[in-house]
Amino acid sequence: MQRYTYMKVGQSVVLTDHITGDELVLQGDDYINFFNEVMTKTKKLVFPQDKWLTCSEFIDYHISQYF
């Protein structure tokens, strides 16, 4: 089960921890960095596959860095 998810809302992204229920909103530079590092790579499935077996692991790792 994926622990973390993200949802784009306008010019921000909402990160959710499904275990604790915590939410975090990224805007400005944080949003741009997250968009470039995570959202564009998962959309195109170009995450480093030698390090991550699934897209879910890749997303969980990057979002966990914010909590």
PDB file of N, CA and C in Angstrom:
ATOM      1  N   MET A   1       0.845  -1.193   0.000  1.00  0.00           N
ATOM      2  CA  MET A   1       0.000   0.000   0.000  1.00  0.00           C
ATOM      3  C   MET A   1       0.881   1.243   0.000  1.00  0.00           C
ATOM      4  N   GLN A   2       0.487   2.196  -0.785  1.00  0.00           N
ATOM      5  CA  GLN A   2       1.243   3.441  -0.864  1.00  0.00           C
ATOM      6  C   GLN A   2       0.891   4.319   0.331  1.00  0.00           C
ATOM      7  N   ARG A   3       1.921   4.784   1.028  1.00  0.00           N
ATOM      8  CA  ARG A   3       1.699   5.600   2.222  1.00  0.00           C
ATOM      9  C   ARG A   3       1.384   7.043   1.876  1.00  0.00           C
ATOM     10  N   TYR A   4       2.051   7.576   0.883  1.00  0.00           N
ATOM     11  CA  TYR A   4       1.922   8.989   0.554  1.00  0.00           C
ATOM     12  C   TYR A   4       1.311   9.172  -0.837  1.00  0.00           C
ATOM     13  N   THR A   5       0.544  10.229  -0.993  1.00  0.00           N
ATOM     14  CA  THR A   5       0.042  10.605  -2.314  1.00  0.00           C
ATOM     15  C   THR A   5       0.154  12.117  -2.463  1.00  0.00           C
ATOM     16  N   TYR A   6       0.043  12.565  -3.704  1.00  0.00           N
ATOM     17  CA  TYR A   6       0.044  13.995  -3.969  1.00  0.00           C
ATOM     18  C   TYR A   6      -1.105  14.332  -4.902  1.00  0.00           C
ATOM     19  N   MET A   7      -1.566  15.570  -4.807  1.00  0.00           N
ATOM     20  CA  MET A   7      -2.630  16.053  -5.672  1.00  0.00           C
ATOM     21  C   MET A   7      -2.309  17.492  -6.051  1.00  0.00           C
ATOM     22  N   LYS A   8      -2.267  17.759  -7.332  1.00  0.00           N
ATOM     23  CA  LYS A   8      -1.994  19.108  -7.825  1.00  0.00           C
ATOM     24  C   LYS A   8      -3.263  19.936  -7.704  1.00  0.00           C
ATOM     25  N   VAL A   9      -3.117  21.120  -7.115  1.00  0.00           N
ATOM     26  CA  VAL A   9      -4.244  22.051  -6.970  1.00  0.00           C
ATOM     27  C   VAL A   9      -3.757  23.422  -7.413  1.00  0.00           C
ATOM     28  N   GLY A  10      -4.122  23.818  -8.611  1.00  0.00           N
ATOM     29  CA  GLY A  10      -3.663  25.105  -9.139  1.00  0.00           C
ATOM     30  C   GLY A  10      -2.148  25.148  -9.218  1.00  0.00           C
ATOM     31  N   GLN A  11      -1.555  26.164  -8.602  1.00  0.00           N
ATOM     32  CA  GLN A  11      -0.095  26.307  -8.587  1.00  0.00           C
ATOM     33  C   GLN A  11       0.490  25.796  -7.271  1.00  0.00           C
ATOM     34  N   SER A  12      -0.107  24.755  -6.730  1.00  0.00           N
ATOM     35  CA  SER A  12       0.417  24.131  -5.514  1.00  0.00           C
ATOM     36  C   SER A  12       0.147  22.631  -5.592  1.00  0.00           C
ATOM     37  N   VAL A  13       0.745  21.911  -4.656  1.00  0.00           N
ATOM     38  CA  VAL A  13       0.515  20.473  -4.579  1.00  0.00           C
ATOM     39  C   VAL A  13       0.286  20.117  -3.115  1.00  0.00           C
ATOM     40  N   VAL A  14      -0.699  19.258  -2.875  1.00  0.00           N
ATOM     41  CA  VAL A  14      -1.018  18.812  -1.522  1.00  0.00           C
ATOM     42  C   VAL A  14      -0.455  17.409  -1.340  1.00  0.00           C
ATOM     43  N   LEU A  15       0.425  17.249  -0.337  1.00  0.00           N
ATOM     44  CA  LEU A  15       0.996  15.946  -0.012  1.00  0.00           C
ATOM     45  C   LEU A  15       0.214  15.373   1.160  1.00  0.00           C
ATOM     46  N   THR A  16      -0.125  14.089   1.098  1.00  0.00           N
ATOM     47  CA  THR A  16      -0.906  13.460   2.158  1.00  0.00           C
ATOM     48  C   THR A  16      -0.202  12.216   2.658  1.00  0.00           C
ATOM     49  N   ASP A  17      -0.105  12.092   3.997  1.00  0.00           N
ATOM     50  CA  ASP A  17       0.408  10.890   4.656  1.00  0.00           C
ATOM     51  C   ASP A  17      -0.824  10.095   5.092  1.00  0.00           C
ATOM     52  N   HIS A  18      -1.049   8.952   4.479  1.00  0.00           N
ATOM     53  CA  HIS A  18      -2.273   8.192   4.735  1.00  0.00           C
ATOM     54  C   HIS A  18      -2.233   7.404   6.041  1.00  0.00           C
ATOM     55  N   ILE A  19      -1.092   7.361   6.710  1.00  0.00           N
ATOM     56  CA  ILE A  19      -1.021   6.680   8.005  1.00  0.00           C
ATOM     57  C   ILE A  19      -1.380   7.658   9.123  1.00  0.00           C
ATOM     58  N   THR A  20      -0.788   8.853   9.087  1.00  0.00           N
ATOM     59  CA  THR A  20      -1.043   9.829  10.149  1.00  0.00           C
ATOM     60  C   THR A  20      -2.187  10.780   9.807  1.00  0.00           C
ATOM     61  N   GLY A  21      -2.535  10.873   8.520  1.00  0.00           N
ATOM     62  CA  GLY A  21      -3.564  11.806   8.097  1.00  0.00           C
ATOM     63  C   GLY A  21      -3.049  13.216   7.891  1.00  0.00           C
ATOM     64  N   ASP A  22      -1.746  13.435   8.054  1.00  0.00           N
ATOM     65  CA  ASP A  22      -1.158  14.769   7.887  1.00  0.00           C
ATOM     66  C   ASP A  22      -1.181  15.191   6.418  1.00  0.00           C
ATOM     67  N   GLU A  23      -1.367  16.477   6.211  1.00  0.00           N
ATOM     68  CA  GLU A  23      -1.304  17.048   4.872  1.00  0.00           C
ATOM     69  C   GLU A  23      -0.340  18.227   4.880  1.00  0.00           C
ATOM     70  N   LEU A  24       0.308  18.436   3.757  1.00  0.00           N
ATOM     71  CA  LEU A  24       1.270  19.516   3.612  1.00  0.00           C
ATOM     72  C   LEU A  24       1.058  20.127   2.239  1.00  0.00           C
ATOM     73  N   VAL A  25       1.016  21.450   2.170  1.00  0.00           N
ATOM     74  CA  VAL A  25       0.830  22.144   0.895  1.00  0.00           C
ATOM     75  C   VAL A  25       2.159  22.764   0.478  1.00  0.00           C
ATOM     76  N   LEU A  26       2.585  22.445  -0.734  1.00  0.00           N
ATOM     77  CA  LEU A  26       3.814  23.026  -1.279  1.00  0.00           C
ATOM     78  C   LEU A  26       3.431  24.076  -2.306  1.00  0.00           C
ATOM     79  N   GLN A  27       4.074  25.251  -2.188  1.00  0.00           N
ATOM     80  CA  GLN A  27       3.836  26.341  -3.128  1.00  0.00           C
ATOM     81  C   GLN A  27       5.170  26.960  -3.508  1.00  0.00           C
ATOM     82  N   GLY A  28       5.146  27.799  -4.523  1.00  0.00           N
ATOM     83  CA  GLY A  28       6.355  28.533  -4.923  1.00  0.00           C
ATOM     84  C   GLY A  28       7.472  27.607  -5.343  1.00  0.00           C
ATOM     85  N   ASP A  29       8.684  27.882  -4.838  1.00  0.00           N
ATOM     86  CA  ASP A  29       9.861  27.092  -5.206  1.00  0.00           C
ATOM     87  C   ASP A  29       9.722  25.634  -4.790  1.00  0.00           C
ATOM     88  N   ASP A  30       9.101  25.378  -3.634  1.00  0.00           N
ATOM     89  CA  ASP A  30       8.909  23.990  -3.197  1.00  0.00           C
ATOM     90  C   ASP A  30       8.030  23.231  -4.183  1.00  0.00           C
ATOM     91  N   TYR A  31       6.996  23.894  -4.666  1.00  0.00           N
ATOM     92  CA  TYR A  31       6.111  23.270  -5.661  1.00  0.00           C
ATOM     93  C   TYR A  31       6.875  22.981  -6.948  1.00  0.00           C
ATOM     94  N   ILE A  32       7.635  23.952  -7.418  1.00  0.00           N
ATOM     95  CA  ILE A  32       8.395  23.778  -8.669  1.00  0.00           C
ATOM     96  C   ILE A  32       9.394  22.635  -8.533  1.00  0.00           C
ATOM     97  N   ASN A  33      10.106  22.573  -7.400  1.00  0.00           N
ATOM     98  CA  ASN A  33      11.069  21.492  -7.183  1.00  0.00           C
ATOM     99  C   ASN A  33      10.381  20.134  -7.161  1.00  0.00           C
ATOM    100  N   PHE A  34       9.258  20.035  -6.440  1.00  0.00           N
ATOM    101  CA  PHE A  34       8.523  18.769  -6.370  1.00  0.00           C
ATOM    102  C   PHE A  34       7.997  18.382  -7.754  1.00  0.00           C
ATOM    103  N   PHE A  35       7.482  19.350  -8.476  1.00  0.00           N
ATOM    104  CA  PHE A  35       6.960  19.095  -9.820  1.00  0.00           C
ATOM    105  C   PHE A  35       8.057  18.517 -10.719  1.00  0.00           C
ATOM    106  N   ASN A  36       9.240  19.139 -10.689  1.00  0.00           N
ATOM    107  CA  ASN A  36      10.341  18.693 -11.549  1.00  0.00           C
ATOM    108  C   ASN A  36      10.928  17.360 -11.104  1.00  0.00           C
ATOM    109  N   GLU A  37      11.050  17.147  -9.792  1.00  0.00           N
ATOM    110  CA  GLU A  37      11.683  15.931  -9.274  1.00  0.00           C
ATOM    111  C   GLU A  37      10.772  14.713  -9.267  1.00  0.00           C
ATOM    112  N   VAL A  38       9.482  14.923  -9.042  1.00  0.00           N
ATOM    113  CA  VAL A  38       8.587  13.783  -8.854  1.00  0.00           C
ATOM    114  C   VAL A  38       7.490  13.706  -9.913  1.00  0.00           C
ATOM    115  N   MET A  39       6.723  14.750 -10.046  1.00  0.00           N
ATOM    116  CA  MET A  39       5.537  14.680 -10.900  1.00  0.00           C
ATOM    117  C   MET A  39       5.868  14.422 -12.367  1.00  0.00           C
ATOM    118  N   THR A  40       6.854  15.116 -12.913  1.00  0.00           N
ATOM    119  CA  THR A  40       7.167  14.915 -14.329  1.00  0.00           C
ATOM    120  C   THR A  40       7.783  13.542 -14.568  1.00  0.00           C
ATOM    121  N   LYS A  41       8.579  13.048 -13.613  1.00  0.00           N
ATOM    122  CA  LYS A  41       9.213  11.737 -13.790  1.00  0.00           C
ATOM    123  C   LYS A  41       8.211  10.603 -13.661  1.00  0.00           C
ATOM    124  N   THR A  42       7.273  10.710 -12.733  1.00  0.00           N
ATOM    125  CA  THR A  42       6.300   9.623 -12.580  1.00  0.00           C
ATOM    126  C   THR A  42       5.302   9.622 -13.731  1.00  0.00           C
ATOM    127  N   LYS A  43       4.978  10.796 -14.236  1.00  0.00           N
ATOM    128  CA  LYS A  43       4.042  10.868 -15.364  1.00  0.00           C
ATOM    129  C   LYS A  43       4.638  10.190 -16.590  1.00  0.00           C
ATOM    130  N   LYS A  44       5.947  10.360 -16.789  1.00  0.00           N
ATOM    131  CA  LYS A  44       6.630   9.767 -17.945  1.00  0.00           C
ATOM    132  C   LYS A  44       7.265   8.420 -17.616  1.00  0.00           C
ATOM    133  N   LEU A  45       7.151   7.994 -16.354  1.00  0.00           N
ATOM    134  CA  LEU A  45       7.746   6.740 -15.882  1.00  0.00           C
ATOM    135  C   LEU A  45       9.242   6.669 -16.162  1.00  0.00           C
ATOM    136  N   VAL A  46       9.954   7.750 -15.864  1.00  0.00           N
ATOM    137  CA  VAL A  46      11.403   7.783 -16.056  1.00  0.00           C
ATOM    138  C   VAL A  46      12.143   7.827 -14.722  1.00  0.00           C
ATOM    139  N   PHE A  47      11.475   7.382 -13.639  1.00  0.00           N
ATOM    140  CA  PHE A  47      12.152   7.327 -12.350  1.00  0.00           C
ATOM    141  C   PHE A  47      13.273   6.286 -12.436  1.00  0.00           C
ATOM    142  N   PRO A  48      14.342   6.433 -11.622  1.00  0.00           N
ATOM    143  CA  PRO A  48      15.484   5.501 -11.709  1.00  0.00           C
ATOM    144  C   PRO A  48      15.069   4.075 -11.330  1.00  0.00           C
ATOM    145  N   GLN A  49      14.847   3.236 -12.321  1.00  0.00           N
ATOM    146  CA  GLN A  49      14.315   1.900 -12.081  1.00  0.00           C
ATOM    147  C   GLN A  49      15.323   0.945 -11.468  1.00  0.00           C
ATOM    148  N   ASP A  50      16.613   1.300 -11.493  1.00  0.00           N
ATOM    149  CA  ASP A  50      17.601   0.451 -10.818  1.00  0.00           C
ATOM    150  C   ASP A  50      17.502   0.610  -9.305  1.00  0.00           C
ATOM    151  N   LYS A  51      16.953   1.748  -8.849  1.00  0.00           N
ATOM    152  CA  LYS A  51      16.846   2.024  -7.418  1.00  0.00           C
ATOM    153  C   LYS A  51      15.442   1.762  -6.887  1.00  0.00           C
ATOM    154  N   TRP A  52      14.419   1.962  -7.706  1.00  0.00           N
ATOM    155  CA  TRP A  52      13.022   1.829  -7.280  1.00  0.00           C
ATOM    156  C   TRP A  52      12.343   0.750  -8.103  1.00  0.00           C
ATOM    157  N   LEU A  53      11.730  -0.207  -7.440  1.00  0.00           N
ATOM    158  CA  LEU A  53      11.030  -1.269  -8.148  1.00  0.00           C
ATOM    159  C   LEU A  53       9.703  -0.793  -8.725  1.00  0.00           C
ATOM    160  N   THR A  54       9.041   0.113  -8.015  1.00  0.00           N
ATOM    161  CA  THR A  54       7.747   0.600  -8.489  1.00  0.00           C
ATOM    162  C   THR A  54       7.688   2.116  -8.399  1.00  0.00           C
ATOM    163  N   CYS A  55       6.758   2.664  -9.105  1.00  0.00           N
ATOM    164  CA  CYS A  55       6.523   4.107  -9.061  1.00  0.00           C
ATOM    165  C   CYS A  55       6.069   4.515  -7.658  1.00  0.00           C
ATOM    166  N   SER A  56       5.309   3.660  -6.977  1.00  0.00           N
ATOM    167  CA  SER A  56       4.836   3.954  -5.616  1.00  0.00           C
ATOM    168  C   SER A  56       5.996   4.140  -4.649  1.00  0.00           C
ATOM    169  N   GLU A  57       7.024   3.286  -4.752  1.00  0.00           N
ATOM    170  CA  GLU A  57       8.200   3.422  -3.878  1.00  0.00           C
ATOM    171  C   GLU A  57       8.905   4.748  -4.141  1.00  0.00           C
ATOM    172  N   PHE A  58       9.027   5.113  -5.386  1.00  0.00           N
ATOM    173  CA  PHE A  58       9.668   6.366  -5.774  1.00  0.00           C
ATOM    174  C   PHE A  58       8.909   7.553  -5.173  1.00  0.00           C
ATOM    175  N   ILE A  59       7.585   7.554  -5.302  1.00  0.00           N
ATOM    176  CA  ILE A  59       6.760   8.639  -4.764  1.00  0.00           C
ATOM    177  C   ILE A  59       6.852   8.678  -3.245  1.00  0.00           C
ATOM    178  N   ASP A  60       6.704   7.510  -2.589  1.00  0.00           N
ATOM    179  CA  ASP A  60       6.771   7.462  -1.123  1.00  0.00           C
ATOM    180  C   ASP A  60       8.086   8.023  -0.603  1.00  0.00           C
ATOM    181  N   TYR A  61       9.195   7.652  -1.236  1.00  0.00           N
ATOM    182  CA  TYR A  61      10.497   8.137  -0.790  1.00  0.00           C
ATOM    183  C   TYR A  61      10.573   9.665  -0.870  1.00  0.00           C
ATOM    184  N   HIS A  62      10.211  10.228  -2.008  1.00  0.00           N
ATOM    185  CA  HIS A  62      10.348  11.677  -2.186  1.00  0.00           C
ATOM    186  C   HIS A  62       9.396  12.462  -1.287  1.00  0.00           C
ATOM    187  N   ILE A  63       8.173  12.000  -1.140  1.00  0.00           N
ATOM    188  CA  ILE A  63       7.229  12.727  -0.282  1.00  0.00           C
ATOM    189  C   ILE A  63       7.640  12.601   1.181  1.00  0.00           C
ATOM    190  N   SER A  64       8.191  11.459   1.586  1.00  0.00           N
ATOM    191  CA  SER A  64       8.593  11.292   2.983  1.00  0.00           C
ATOM    192  C   SER A  64       9.656  12.300   3.395  1.00  0.00           C
ATOM    193  N   GLN A  65      10.404  12.832   2.445  1.00  0.00           N
ATOM    194  CA  GLN A  65      11.430  13.834   2.743  1.00  0.00           C
ATOM    195  C   GLN A  65      10.821  15.150   3.244  1.00  0.00           C
ATOM    196  N   TYR A  66       9.547  15.374   2.976  1.00  0.00           N
ATOM    197  CA  TYR A  66       8.889  16.616   3.395  1.00  0.00           C
ATOM    198  C   TYR A  66       8.251  16.507   4.774  1.00  0.00           C
ATOM    199  N   PHE A  67       8.033  15.277   5.258  1.00  0.00           N
ATOM    200  CA  PHE A  67       7.366  15.103   6.562  1.00  0.00           C
ATOM    201  C   PHE A  67       8.343  14.879   7.693  1.00  0.00           C
TER     202      PHE A  67
END
